[in-house]
């Protein structure tokens, strides 16, 4: 029997200095980050944290990557994906999406969003 497990961390709220415009980098923006990591789970030993994806580490990666100033969400999404893959090399797929809440384009938009995916399937 093969068991595939997915760990999700959804709507992680981060306030970060990310944005193309200088004002966004000075004032910061609100972001919601979503991550999912799929991997082969064993058929036993489901109480061993070393054999799963620790969502506390996912949370730490998100906050570390989102902290520095940067212009594009894409660079943050790629860096989060790479850091997760480096830490959990057994991952089969990794999905990362970042929503920028109330983007400043002068119109009414709830959010903009970028997403990246890694897959070895």
PDB file of N, CA and C in Angstrom:
ATOM      1  N   UNK A   1       0.853  -1.183   0.000  1.00  0.00           N
ATOM      2  CA  UNK A   1       0.000   0.000   0.000  1.00  0.00           C
ATOM      3  C   UNK A   1       0.896   1.243   0.000  1.00  0.00           C
ATOM      4  N   UNK A   2       0.535   2.190  -0.839  1.00  0.00           N
ATOM      5  CA  UNK A   2       1.256   3.461  -0.901  1.00  0.00           C
ATOM      6  C   UNK A   2       0.322   4.565  -0.419  1.00  0.00           C
ATOM      7  N   UNK A   3       0.795   5.333   0.532  1.00  0.00           N
ATOM      8  CA  UNK A   3       0.005   6.442   1.066  1.00  0.00           C
ATOM      9  C   UNK A   3       0.686   7.746   0.689  1.00  0.00           C
ATOM     10  N   UNK A   4      -0.071   8.630   0.066  1.00  0.00           N
ATOM     11  CA  UNK A   4       0.428   9.962  -0.265  1.00  0.00           C
ATOM     12  C   UNK A   4      -0.254  10.944   0.679  1.00  0.00           C
ATOM     13  N   UNK A   5       0.555  11.749   1.318  1.00  0.00           N
ATOM     14  CA  UNK A   5       0.037  12.708   2.308  1.00  0.00           C
ATOM     15  C   UNK A   5       0.341  14.127   1.843  1.00  0.00           C
ATOM     16  N   UNK A   6      -0.546  15.050   2.164  1.00  0.00           N
ATOM     17  CA  UNK A   6      -0.329  16.458   1.856  1.00  0.00           C
ATOM     18  C   UNK A   6      -0.479  17.268   3.130  1.00  0.00           C
ATOM     19  N   UNK A   7       0.493  18.141   3.360  1.00  0.00           N
ATOM     20  CA  UNK A   7       0.437  19.072   4.483  1.00  0.00           C
ATOM     21  C   UNK A   7       0.179  20.457   3.899  1.00  0.00           C
ATOM     22  N   UNK A   8      -0.806  21.150   4.457  1.00  0.00           N
ATOM     23  CA  UNK A   8      -1.185  22.483   3.994  1.00  0.00           C
ATOM     24  C   UNK A   8      -0.924  23.510   5.087  1.00  0.00           C
ATOM     25  N   UNK A   9      -0.522  24.683   4.685  1.00  0.00           N
ATOM     26  CA  UNK A   9      -0.503  25.854   5.559  1.00  0.00           C
ATOM     27  C   UNK A   9      -1.175  26.942   4.736  1.00  0.00           C
ATOM     28  N   UNK A  10      -2.331  27.413   5.194  1.00  0.00           N
ATOM     29  CA  UNK A  10      -3.146  28.297   4.368  1.00  0.00           C
ATOM     30  C   UNK A  10      -3.396  29.644   5.032  1.00  0.00           C
ATOM     31  N   UNK A  11      -3.419  30.661   4.184  1.00  0.00           N
ATOM     32  CA  UNK A  11      -3.724  32.033   4.601  1.00  0.00           C
ATOM     33  C   UNK A  11      -2.831  32.520   5.732  1.00  0.00           C
ATOM     34  N   UNK A  12      -1.525  32.266   5.585  1.00  0.00           N
ATOM     35  CA  UNK A  12      -0.560  32.797   6.549  1.00  0.00           C
ATOM     36  C   UNK A  12      -0.451  34.296   6.283  1.00  0.00           C
ATOM     37  N   UNK A  13      -0.870  35.087   7.231  1.00  0.00           N
ATOM     38  CA  UNK A  13      -0.911  36.540   7.073  1.00  0.00           C
ATOM     39  C   UNK A  13       0.469  37.123   7.392  1.00  0.00           C
ATOM     40  N   UNK A  14       0.994  37.882   6.424  1.00  0.00           N
ATOM     41  CA  UNK A  14       2.314  38.496   6.570  1.00  0.00           C
ATOM     42  C   UNK A  14       2.213  39.951   6.137  1.00  0.00           C
ATOM     43  N   UNK A  15       2.812  40.826   6.900  1.00  0.00           N
ATOM     44  CA  UNK A  15       2.943  42.229   6.498  1.00  0.00           C
ATOM     45  C   UNK A  15       4.395  42.410   6.086  1.00  0.00           C
ATOM     46  N   UNK A  16       4.631  42.784   4.817  1.00  0.00           N
ATOM     47  CA  UNK A  16       5.994  42.773   4.290  1.00  0.00           C
ATOM     48  C   UNK A  16       6.243  43.945   3.345  1.00  0.00           C
ATOM     49  N   UNK A  17       7.522  44.354   3.227  1.00  0.00           N
ATOM     50  CA  UNK A  17       7.897  45.461   2.344  1.00  0.00           C
ATOM     51  C   UNK A  17       8.144  44.998   0.909  1.00  0.00           C
ATOM     52  N   UNK A  18       7.141  44.379   0.307  1.00  0.00           N
ATOM     53  CA  UNK A  18       7.286  43.848  -1.047  1.00  0.00           C
ATOM     54  C   UNK A  18       6.351  44.607  -1.975  1.00  0.00           C
ATOM     55  N   UNK A  19       6.922  45.112  -3.058  1.00  0.00           N
ATOM     56  CA  UNK A  19       6.126  45.814  -4.053  1.00  0.00           C
ATOM     57  C   UNK A  19       7.031  46.532  -5.026  1.00  0.00           C
ATOM     58  N   UNK A  20       6.550  46.734  -6.219  1.00  0.00           N
ATOM     59  CA  UNK A  20       7.342  47.379  -7.258  1.00  0.00           C
ATOM     60  C   UNK A  20       7.597  48.848  -6.940  1.00  0.00           C
ATOM     61  N   UNK A  21       6.623  49.500  -6.323  1.00  0.00           N
ATOM     62  CA  UNK A  21       6.739  50.931  -6.061  1.00  0.00           C
ATOM     63  C   UNK A  21       7.449  51.188  -4.736  1.00  0.00           C
ATOM     64  N   UNK A  22       8.236  52.261  -4.699  1.00  0.00           N
ATOM     65  CA  UNK A  22       9.002  52.622  -3.503  1.00  0.00           C
ATOM     66  C   UNK A  22       8.085  52.747  -2.292  1.00  0.00           C
ATOM     67  N   UNK A  23       6.911  53.324  -2.498  1.00  0.00           N
ATOM     68  CA  UNK A  23       5.967  53.497  -1.390  1.00  0.00           C
ATOM     69  C   UNK A  23       5.576  52.156  -0.773  1.00  0.00           C
ATOM     70  N   UNK A  24       5.421  51.138  -1.611  1.00  0.00           N
ATOM     71  CA  UNK A  24       5.063  49.813  -1.102  1.00  0.00           C
ATOM     72  C   UNK A  24       6.188  49.235  -0.249  1.00  0.00           C
ATOM     73  N   UNK A  25       7.413  49.482  -0.662  1.00  0.00           N
ATOM     74  CA  UNK A  25       8.547  48.970   0.101  1.00  0.00           C
ATOM     75  C   UNK A  25       8.730  49.736   1.405  1.00  0.00           C
ATOM     76  N   UNK A  26       8.347  51.005   1.419  1.00  0.00           N
ATOM     77  CA  UNK A  26       8.447  51.803   2.647  1.00  0.00           C
ATOM     78  C   UNK A  26       7.298  51.519   3.607  1.00  0.00           C
ATOM     79  N   UNK A  27       6.078  51.457   3.082  1.00  0.00           N
ATOM     80  CA  UNK A  27       4.894  51.287   3.923  1.00  0.00           C
ATOM     81  C   UNK A  27       4.536  49.825   4.173  1.00  0.00           C
ATOM     82  N   UNK A  28       4.914  48.955   3.255  1.00  0.00           N
ATOM     83  CA  UNK A  28       4.582  47.541   3.375  1.00  0.00           C
ATOM     84  C   UNK A  28       3.192  47.231   2.854  1.00  0.00           C
ATOM     85  N   UNK A  29       2.929  45.964   2.678  1.00  0.00           N
ATOM     86  CA  UNK A  29       1.646  45.467   2.191  1.00  0.00           C
ATOM     87  C   UNK A  29       1.246  44.235   2.990  1.00  0.00           C
ATOM     88  N   UNK A  30      -0.031  43.919   2.936  1.00  0.00           N
ATOM     89  CA  UNK A  30      -0.525  42.698   3.569  1.00  0.00           C
ATOM     90  C   UNK A  30      -0.576  41.583   2.526  1.00  0.00           C
ATOM     91  N   UNK A  31      -0.087  40.404   2.902  1.00  0.00           N
ATOM     92  CA  UNK A  31      -0.049  39.248   2.017  1.00  0.00           C
ATOM     93  C   UNK A  31      -0.643  38.036   2.718  1.00  0.00           C
ATOM     94  N   UNK A  32      -1.226  37.145   1.929  1.00  0.00           N
ATOM     95  CA  UNK A  32      -1.665  35.841   2.419  1.00  0.00           C
ATOM     96  C   UNK A  32      -0.905  34.784   1.630  1.00  0.00           C
ATOM     97  N   UNK A  33      -0.194  33.921   2.348  1.00  0.00           N
ATOM     98  CA  UNK A  33       0.645  32.903   1.718  1.00  0.00           C
ATOM     99  C   UNK A  33       0.024  31.528   1.959  1.00  0.00           C
ATOM    100  N   UNK A  34      -0.030  30.736   0.891  1.00  0.00           N
ATOM    101  CA  UNK A  34      -0.522  29.358   0.967  1.00  0.00           C
ATOM    102  C   UNK A  34       0.560  28.411   0.474  1.00  0.00           C
ATOM    103  N   UNK A  35       0.734  27.314   1.206  1.00  0.00           N
ATOM    104  CA  UNK A  35       1.735  26.315   0.849  1.00  0.00           C
ATOM    105  C   UNK A  35       1.104  24.935   1.000  1.00  0.00           C
ATOM    106  N   UNK A  36       1.395  24.055   0.055  1.00  0.00           N
ATOM    107  CA  UNK A  36       1.050  22.641   0.235  1.00  0.00           C
ATOM    108  C   UNK A  36       2.247  21.806  -0.206  1.00  0.00           C
ATOM    109  N   UNK A  37       2.486  20.736   0.542  1.00  0.00           N
ATOM    110  CA  UNK A  37       3.611  19.842   0.262  1.00  0.00           C
ATOM    111  C   UNK A  37       3.081  18.412   0.272  1.00  0.00           C
ATOM    112  N   UNK A  38       3.261  17.719  -0.848  1.00  0.00           N
ATOM    113  CA  UNK A  38       2.796  16.336  -0.981  1.00  0.00           C
ATOM    114  C   UNK A  38       4.011  15.412  -0.955  1.00  0.00           C
ATOM    115  N   UNK A  39       3.876  14.291  -0.238  1.00  0.00           N
ATOM    116  CA  UNK A  39       4.987  13.347  -0.110  1.00  0.00           C
ATOM    117  C   UNK A  39       4.441  11.951   0.166  1.00  0.00           C
ATOM    118  N   UNK A  40       5.294  10.954  -0.066  1.00  0.00           N
ATOM    119  CA  UNK A  40       4.926   9.576   0.245  1.00  0.00           C
ATOM    120  C   UNK A  40       5.045   9.371   1.741  1.00  0.00           C
ATOM    121  N   UNK A  41       3.961   8.938   2.358  1.00  0.00           N
ATOM    122  CA  UNK A  41       3.961   8.661   3.794  1.00  0.00           C
ATOM    123  C   UNK A  41       4.079   7.157   3.994  1.00  0.00           C
ATOM    124  N   UNK A  42       4.756   6.777   5.038  1.00  0.00           N
ATOM    125  CA  UNK A  42       4.841   5.353   5.358  1.00  0.00           C
ATOM    126  C   UNK A  42       3.494   4.841   5.831  1.00  0.00           C
ATOM    127  N   UNK A  43       3.378   3.540   5.927  1.00  0.00           N
ATOM    128  CA  UNK A  43       2.116   2.962   6.385  1.00  0.00           C
ATOM    129  C   UNK A  43       2.069   2.830   7.901  1.00  0.00           C
ATOM    130  N   UNK A  44       3.170   3.188   8.561  1.00  0.00           N
ATOM    131  CA  UNK A  44       3.187   3.165  10.025  1.00  0.00           C
ATOM    132  C   UNK A  44       3.993   4.357  10.533  1.00  0.00           C
ATOM    133  N   UNK A  45       4.122   4.473  11.821  1.00  0.00           N
ATOM    134  CA  UNK A  45       4.927   5.524  12.460  1.00  0.00           C
ATOM    135  C   UNK A  45       4.450   6.931  12.088  1.00  0.00           C
ATOM    136  N   UNK A  46       3.158   7.178  12.228  1.00  0.00           N
ATOM    137  CA  UNK A  46       2.589   8.489  11.907  1.00  0.00           C
ATOM    138  C   UNK A  46       2.755   9.500  13.033  1.00  0.00           C
ATOM    139  N   UNK A  47       3.463   9.133  14.078  1.00  0.00           N
ATOM    140  CA  UNK A  47       3.704  10.029  15.208  1.00  0.00           C
ATOM    141  C   UNK A  47       5.129  10.569  15.210  1.00  0.00           C
ATOM    142  N   UNK A  48       5.893  10.307  14.155  1.00  0.00           N
ATOM    143  CA  UNK A  48       7.288  10.726  14.082  1.00  0.00           C
ATOM    144  C   UNK A  48       7.391  11.995  13.239  1.00  0.00           C
ATOM    145  N   UNK A  49       7.741  13.100  13.876  1.00  0.00           N
ATOM    146  CA  UNK A  49       7.818  14.393  13.190  1.00  0.00           C
ATOM    147  C   UNK A  49       8.901  14.414  12.112  1.00  0.00           C
ATOM    148  N   UNK A  50       9.914  13.557  12.237  1.00  0.00           N
ATOM    149  CA  UNK A  50      10.978  13.495  11.236  1.00  0.00           C
ATOM    150  C   UNK A  50      10.521  12.844   9.931  1.00  0.00           C
ATOM    151  N   UNK A  51       9.348  12.207   9.941  1.00  0.00           N
ATOM    152  CA  UNK A  51       8.866  11.516   8.743  1.00  0.00           C
ATOM    153  C   UNK A  51       7.672  12.218   8.105  1.00  0.00           C
ATOM    154  N   UNK A  52       7.545  13.490   8.409  1.00  0.00           N
ATOM    155  CA  UNK A  52       6.459  14.272   7.832  1.00  0.00           C
ATOM    156  C   UNK A  52       6.978  15.674   7.537  1.00  0.00           C
ATOM    157  N   UNK A  53       6.114  16.529   7.051  1.00  0.00           N
ATOM    158  CA  UNK A  53       6.449  17.936   6.826  1.00  0.00           C
ATOM    159  C   UNK A  53       5.939  18.710   8.034  1.00  0.00           C
ATOM    160  N   UNK A  54       6.853  19.323   8.737  1.00  0.00           N
ATOM    161  CA  UNK A  54       6.535  20.083   9.949  1.00  0.00           C
ATOM    162  C   UNK A  54       6.019  21.460   9.530  1.00  0.00           C
ATOM    163  N   UNK A  55       4.747  21.724   9.778  1.00  0.00           N
ATOM    164  CA  UNK A  55       4.177  23.000   9.333  1.00  0.00           C
ATOM    165  C   UNK A  55       4.726  24.184  10.107  1.00  0.00           C
ATOM    166  N   UNK A  56       5.321  23.958  11.272  1.00  0.00           N
ATOM    167  CA  UNK A  56       5.988  25.047  11.994  1.00  0.00           C
ATOM    168  C   UNK A  56       7.211  25.532  11.208  1.00  0.00           C
ATOM    169  N   UNK A  57       7.918  24.602  10.585  1.00  0.00           N
ATOM    170  CA  UNK A  57       9.065  24.979   9.746  1.00  0.00           C
ATOM    171  C   UNK A  57       8.581  25.700   8.494  1.00  0.00           C
ATOM    172  N   UNK A  58       7.475  25.259   7.915  1.00  0.00           N
ATOM    173  CA  UNK A  58       6.907  25.978   6.765  1.00  0.00           C
ATOM    174  C   UNK A  58       6.606  27.424   7.141  1.00  0.00           C
ATOM    175  N   UNK A  59       6.010  27.621   8.304  1.00  0.00           N
ATOM    176  CA  UNK A  59       5.678  28.964   8.799  1.00  0.00           C
ATOM    177  C   UNK A  59       6.942  29.813   8.948  1.00  0.00           C
ATOM    178  N   UNK A  60       7.988  29.235   9.513  1.00  0.00           N
ATOM    179  CA  UNK A  60       9.248  29.964   9.698  1.00  0.00           C
ATOM    180  C   UNK A  60       9.866  30.344   8.356  1.00  0.00           C
ATOM    181  N   UNK A  61       9.828  29.435   7.394  1.00  0.00           N
ATOM    182  CA  UNK A  61      10.359  29.721   6.053  1.00  0.00           C
ATOM    183  C   UNK A  61       9.601  30.886   5.428  1.00  0.00           C
ATOM    184  N   UNK A  62       8.286  30.850   5.496  1.00  0.00           N
ATOM    185  CA  UNK A  62       7.469  31.920   4.915  1.00  0.00           C
ATOM    186  C   UNK A  62       7.849  33.268   5.513  1.00  0.00           C
ATOM    187  N   UNK A  63       7.906  33.356   6.820  1.00  0.00           N
ATOM    188  CA  UNK A  63       8.211  34.638   7.463  1.00  0.00           C
ATOM    189  C   UNK A  63       9.635  35.104   7.184  1.00  0.00           C
ATOM    190  N   UNK A  64      10.579  34.186   7.126  1.00  0.00           N
ATOM    191  CA  UNK A  64      11.969  34.563   6.833  1.00  0.00           C
ATOM    192  C   UNK A  64      12.092  35.114   5.412  1.00  0.00           C
ATOM    193  N   UNK A  65      11.463  34.456   4.460  1.00  0.00           N
ATOM    194  CA  UNK A  65      11.567  34.865   3.055  1.00  0.00           C
ATOM    195  C   UNK A  65      10.808  36.162   2.787  1.00  0.00           C
ATOM    196  N   UNK A  66       9.693  36.363   3.434  1.00  0.00           N
ATOM    197  CA  UNK A  66       8.868  37.550   3.175  1.00  0.00           C
ATOM    198  C   UNK A  66       9.396  38.806   3.871  1.00  0.00           C
ATOM    199  N   UNK A  67      10.350  38.673   4.748  1.00  0.00           N
ATOM    200  CA  UNK A  67      10.818  39.805   5.560  1.00  0.00           C
ATOM    201  C   UNK A  67      11.599  40.875   4.784  1.00  0.00           C
ATOM    202  N   UNK A  68      12.556  40.516   3.915  1.00  0.00           N
ATOM    203  CA  UNK A  68      13.345  41.562   3.246  1.00  0.00           C
ATOM    204  C   UNK A  68      12.567  42.307   2.157  1.00  0.00           C
ATOM    205  N   UNK A  69      13.031  43.510   1.869  1.00  0.00           N
ATOM    206  CA  UNK A  69      12.449  44.298   0.774  1.00  0.00           C
ATOM    207  C   UNK A  69      12.726  43.600  -0.544  1.00  0.00           C
ATOM    208  N   UNK A  70      11.726  43.627  -1.405  1.00  0.00           N
ATOM    209  CA  UNK A  70      11.893  43.117  -2.764  1.00  0.00           C
ATOM    210  C   UNK A  70      10.800  43.723  -3.633  1.00  0.00           C
ATOM    211  N   UNK A  71      11.038  43.720  -4.933  1.00  0.00           N
ATOM    212  CA  UNK A  71      10.087  44.338  -5.856  1.00  0.00           C
ATOM    213  C   UNK A  71       8.967  43.398  -6.285  1.00  0.00           C
ATOM    214  N   UNK A  72       9.286  42.135  -6.505  1.00  0.00           N
ATOM    215  CA  UNK A  72       8.307  41.236  -7.115  1.00  0.00           C
ATOM    216  C   UNK A  72       7.940  40.063  -6.214  1.00  0.00           C
ATOM    217  N   UNK A  73       6.652  39.775  -6.157  1.00  0.00           N
ATOM    218  CA  UNK A  73       6.162  38.610  -5.422  1.00  0.00           C
ATOM    219  C   UNK A  73       6.738  37.314  -5.980  1.00  0.00           C
ATOM    220  N   UNK A  74       6.975  37.295  -7.274  1.00  0.00           N
ATOM    221  CA  UNK A  74       7.493  36.092  -7.906  1.00  0.00           C
ATOM    222  C   UNK A  74       8.794  35.637  -7.263  1.00  0.00           C
ATOM    223  N   UNK A  75       9.673  36.585  -6.943  1.00  0.00           N
ATOM    224  CA  UNK A  75      10.951  36.200  -6.340  1.00  0.00           C
ATOM    225  C   UNK A  75      10.742  35.599  -4.955  1.00  0.00           C
ATOM    226  N   UNK A  76       9.788  36.116  -4.200  1.00  0.00           N
ATOM    227  CA  UNK A  76       9.486  35.549  -2.881  1.00  0.00           C
ATOM    228  C   UNK A  76       8.897  34.147  -3.028  1.00  0.00           C
ATOM    229  N   UNK A  77       7.985  33.961  -3.964  1.00  0.00           N
ATOM    230  CA  UNK A  77       7.364  32.646  -4.168  1.00  0.00           C
ATOM    231  C   UNK A  77       8.407  31.599  -4.545  1.00  0.00           C
ATOM    232  N   UNK A  78       9.312  31.952  -5.457  1.00  0.00           N
ATOM    233  CA  UNK A  78      10.368  31.020  -5.867  1.00  0.00           C
ATOM    234  C   UNK A  78      11.300  30.699  -4.703  1.00  0.00           C
ATOM    235  N   UNK A  79      11.634  31.699  -3.908  1.00  0.00           N
ATOM    236  CA  UNK A  79      12.531  31.472  -2.774  1.00  0.00           C
ATOM    237  C   UNK A  79      11.871  30.600  -1.703  1.00  0.00           C
ATOM    238  N   UNK A  80      10.593  30.806  -1.443  1.00  0.00           N
ATOM    239  CA  UNK A  80       9.870  29.950  -0.492  1.00  0.00           C
ATOM    240  C   UNK A  80       9.870  28.510  -0.997  1.00  0.00           C
ATOM    241  N   UNK A  81       9.558  28.319  -2.280  1.00  0.00           N
ATOM    242  CA  UNK A  81       9.534  26.981  -2.858  1.00  0.00           C
ATOM    243  C   UNK A  81      10.893  26.304  -2.728  1.00  0.00           C
ATOM    244  N   UNK A  82      11.962  27.020  -3.060  1.00  0.00           N
ATOM    245  CA  UNK A  82      13.310  26.443  -2.980  1.00  0.00           C
ATOM    246  C   UNK A  82      13.674  26.086  -1.545  1.00  0.00           C
ATOM    247  N   UNK A  83      13.361  26.960  -0.592  1.00  0.00           N
ATOM    248  CA  UNK A  83      13.686  26.694   0.811  1.00  0.00           C
ATOM    249  C   UNK A  83      12.928  25.468   1.328  1.00  0.00           C
ATOM    250  N   UNK A  84      11.672  25.323   0.918  1.00  0.00           N
ATOM    251  CA  UNK A  84      10.902  24.140   1.330  1.00  0.00           C
ATOM    252  C   UNK A  84      11.514  22.887   0.724  1.00  0.00           C
ATOM    253  N   UNK A  85      11.866  22.949  -0.560  1.00  0.00           N
ATOM    254  CA  UNK A  85      12.479  21.784  -1.209  1.00  0.00           C
ATOM    255  C   UNK A  85      13.819  21.438  -0.569  1.00  0.00           C
ATOM    256  N   UNK A  86      14.614  22.440  -0.230  1.00  0.00           N
ATOM    257  CA  UNK A  86      15.905  22.187   0.415  1.00  0.00           C
ATOM    258  C   UNK A  86      15.724  21.507   1.771  1.00  0.00           C
ATOM    259  N   UNK A  87      14.693  21.890   2.501  1.00  0.00           N
ATOM    260  CA  UNK A  87      14.478  21.340   3.846  1.00  0.00           C
ATOM    261  C   UNK A  87      13.765  19.989   3.813  1.00  0.00           C
ATOM    262  N   UNK A  88      12.824  19.837   2.881  1.00  0.00           N
ATOM    263  CA  UNK A  88      12.044  18.600   2.775  1.00  0.00           C
ATOM    264  C   UNK A  88      12.281  17.992   1.393  1.00  0.00           C
ATOM    265  N   UNK A  89      13.475  17.468   1.178  1.00  0.00           N
ATOM    266  CA  UNK A  89      13.866  16.980  -0.147  1.00  0.00           C
ATOM    267  C   UNK A  89      13.037  15.779  -0.605  1.00  0.00           C
ATOM    268  N   UNK A  90      12.310  15.149   0.304  1.00  0.00           N
ATOM    269  CA  UNK A  90      11.462  14.010  -0.046  1.00  0.00           C
ATOM    270  C   UNK A  90      10.116  14.440  -0.637  1.00  0.00           C
ATOM    271  N   UNK A  91       9.869  15.741  -0.725  1.00  0.00           N
ATOM    272  CA  UNK A  91       8.597  16.239  -1.261  1.00  0.00           C
ATOM    273  C   UNK A  91       8.436  15.841  -2.723  1.00  0.00           C
ATOM    274  N   UNK A  92       7.240  15.403  -3.069  1.00  0.00           N
ATOM    275  CA  UNK A  92       6.918  15.053  -4.461  1.00  0.00           C
ATOM    276  C   UNK A  92       6.375  16.260  -5.221  1.00  0.00           C
ATOM    277  N   UNK A  93       5.543  17.058  -4.574  1.00  0.00           N
ATOM    278  CA  UNK A  93       5.079  18.318  -5.154  1.00  0.00           C
ATOM    279  C   UNK A  93       5.051  19.377  -4.063  1.00  0.00           C
ATOM    280  N   UNK A  94       5.316  20.593  -4.478  1.00  0.00           N
ATOM    281  CA  UNK A  94       5.248  21.753  -3.584  1.00  0.00           C
ATOM    282  C   UNK A  94       4.508  22.842  -4.338  1.00  0.00           C
ATOM    283  N   UNK A  95       3.484  23.388  -3.723  1.00  0.00           N
ATOM    284  CA  UNK A  95       2.740  24.508  -4.298  1.00  0.00           C
ATOM    285  C   UNK A  95       2.849  25.700  -3.364  1.00  0.00           C
ATOM    286  N   UNK A  96       3.154  26.855  -3.940  1.00  0.00           N
ATOM    287  CA  UNK A  96       3.248  28.097  -3.172  1.00  0.00           C
ATOM    288  C   UNK A  96       2.440  29.157  -3.904  1.00  0.00           C
ATOM    289  N   UNK A  97       1.552  29.831  -3.194  1.00  0.00           N
ATOM    290  CA  UNK A  97       0.865  30.981  -3.775  1.00  0.00           C
ATOM    291  C   UNK A  97       0.898  32.129  -2.775  1.00  0.00           C
ATOM    292  N   UNK A  98       0.999  33.329  -3.314  1.00  0.00           N
ATOM    293  CA  UNK A  98       1.031  34.534  -2.484  1.00  0.00           C
ATOM    294  C   UNK A  98       0.015  35.519  -3.043  1.00  0.00           C
ATOM    295  N   UNK A  99      -0.887  35.968  -2.181  1.00  0.00           N
ATOM    296  CA  UNK A  99      -1.866  36.993  -2.539  1.00  0.00           C
ATOM    297  C   UNK A  99      -1.437  38.322  -1.934  1.00  0.00           C
ATOM    298  N   UNK A 100      -1.440  39.359  -2.755  1.00  0.00           N
ATOM    299  CA  UNK A 100      -1.228  40.724  -2.261  1.00  0.00           C
ATOM    300  C   UNK A 100      -2.608  41.335  -2.081  1.00  0.00           C
ATOM    301  N   UNK A 101      -2.926  41.672  -0.852  1.00  0.00           N
ATOM    302  CA  UNK A 101      -4.240  42.219  -0.546  1.00  0.00           C
ATOM    303  C   UNK A 101      -4.292  43.698  -0.942  1.00  0.00           C
ATOM    304  N   UNK A 102      -5.366  44.098  -1.576  1.00  0.00           N
ATOM    305  CA  UNK A 102      -5.589  45.483  -1.998  1.00  0.00           C
ATOM    306  C   UNK A 102      -4.404  46.074  -2.758  1.00  0.00           C
ATOM    307  N   UNK A 103      -4.036  45.495  -3.894  1.00  0.00           N
ATOM    308  CA  UNK A 103      -2.905  46.026  -4.654  1.00  0.00           C
ATOM    309  C   UNK A 103      -3.189  47.449  -5.134  1.00  0.00           C
ATOM    310  N   UNK A 104      -2.146  48.277  -5.196  1.00  0.00           N
ATOM    311  CA  UNK A 104      -2.342  49.704  -5.478  1.00  0.00           C
ATOM    312  C   UNK A 104      -2.373  50.057  -6.958  1.00  0.00           C
ATOM    313  N   UNK A 105      -3.353  49.546  -7.737  1.00  0.00           N
ATOM    314  CA  UNK A 105      -3.430  50.012  -9.107  1.00  0.00           C
ATOM    315  C   UNK A 105      -4.531  51.000  -9.370  1.00  0.00           C
ATOM    316  N   UNK A 106      -5.052  51.588  -8.365  1.00  0.00           N
ATOM    317  CA  UNK A 106      -6.033  52.640  -8.555  1.00  0.00           C
ATOM    318  C   UNK A 106      -7.430  52.145  -8.873  1.00  0.00           C
ATOM    319  N   UNK A 107      -7.637  50.856  -8.847  1.00  0.00           N
ATOM    320  CA  UNK A 107      -8.963  50.297  -9.091  1.00  0.00           C
ATOM    321  C   UNK A 107      -9.390  49.453  -7.907  1.00  0.00           C
ATOM    322  N   UNK A 108     -10.542  48.860  -8.040  1.00  0.00           N
ATOM    323  CA  UNK A 108     -11.065  48.028  -6.964  1.00  0.00           C
ATOM    324  C   UNK A 108     -10.697  46.573  -7.238  1.00  0.00           C
ATOM    325  N   UNK A 109      -9.705  46.080  -6.530  1.00  0.00           N
ATOM    326  CA  UNK A 109      -9.284  44.683  -6.659  1.00  0.00           C
ATOM    327  C   UNK A 109      -9.009  44.133  -5.268  1.00  0.00           C
ATOM    328  N   UNK A 110      -9.592  43.008  -4.960  1.00  0.00           N
ATOM    329  CA  UNK A 110      -9.414  42.414  -3.633  1.00  0.00           C
ATOM    330  C   UNK A 110      -7.984  41.944  -3.424  1.00  0.00           C
ATOM    331  N   UNK A 111      -7.399  41.330  -4.469  1.00  0.00           N
ATOM    332  CA  UNK A 111      -6.017  40.879  -4.351  1.00  0.00           C
ATOM    333  C   UNK A 111      -5.449  40.538  -5.729  1.00  0.00           C
ATOM    334  N   UNK A 112      -4.122  40.531  -5.782  1.00  0.00           N
ATOM    335  CA  UNK A 112      -3.415  39.956  -6.921  1.00  0.00           C
ATOM    336  C   UNK A 112      -2.741  38.695  -6.390  1.00  0.00           C
ATOM    337  N   UNK A 113      -2.295  37.813  -7.291  1.00  0.00           N
ATOM    338  CA  UNK A 113      -1.779  36.532  -6.814  1.00  0.00           C
ATOM    339  C   UNK A 113      -0.735  35.988  -7.772  1.00  0.00           C
ATOM    340  N   UNK A 114       0.315  35.378  -7.211  1.00  0.00           N
ATOM    341  CA  UNK A 114       1.279  34.618  -7.998  1.00  0.00           C
ATOM    342  C   UNK A 114       1.351  33.216  -7.403  1.00  0.00           C
ATOM    343  N   UNK A 115       1.683  32.241  -8.246  1.00  0.00           N
ATOM    344  CA  UNK A 115       1.796  30.864  -7.779  1.00  0.00           C
ATOM    345  C   UNK A 115       2.926  30.169  -8.523  1.00  0.00           C
ATOM    346  N   UNK A 116       3.626  29.282  -7.809  1.00  0.00           N
ATOM    347  CA  UNK A 116       4.667  28.452  -8.411  1.00  0.00           C
ATOM    348  C   UNK A 116       4.478  27.025  -7.909  1.00  0.00           C
ATOM    349  N   UNK A 117       4.962  26.074  -8.705  1.00  0.00           N
ATOM    350  CA  UNK A 117       4.828  24.675  -8.322  1.00  0.00           C
ATOM    351  C   UNK A 117       6.084  23.910  -8.689  1.00  0.00           C
ATOM    352  N   UNK A 118       6.490  23.013  -7.793  1.00  0.00           N
ATOM    353  CA  UNK A 118       7.556  22.047  -8.053  1.00  0.00           C
ATOM    354  C   UNK A 118       6.906  20.678  -8.108  1.00  0.00           C
ATOM    355  N   UNK A 119       7.332  19.852  -9.054  1.00  0.00           N
ATOM    356  CA  UNK A 119       6.808  18.493  -9.119  1.00  0.00           C
ATOM    357  C   UNK A 119       7.883  17.552  -9.635  1.00  0.00           C
ATOM    358  N   UNK A 120       8.031  16.423  -8.966  1.00  0.00           N
ATOM    359  CA  UNK A 120       8.934  15.387  -9.474  1.00  0.00           C
ATOM    360  C   UNK A 120       8.143  14.136  -9.835  1.00  0.00           C
ATOM    361  N   UNK A 121       6.839  14.306 -10.011  1.00  0.00           N
ATOM    362  CA  UNK A 121       5.977  13.170 -10.369  1.00  0.00           C
ATOM    363  C   UNK A 121       5.906  13.054 -11.874  1.00  0.00           C
TER     364      UNK A 121
END
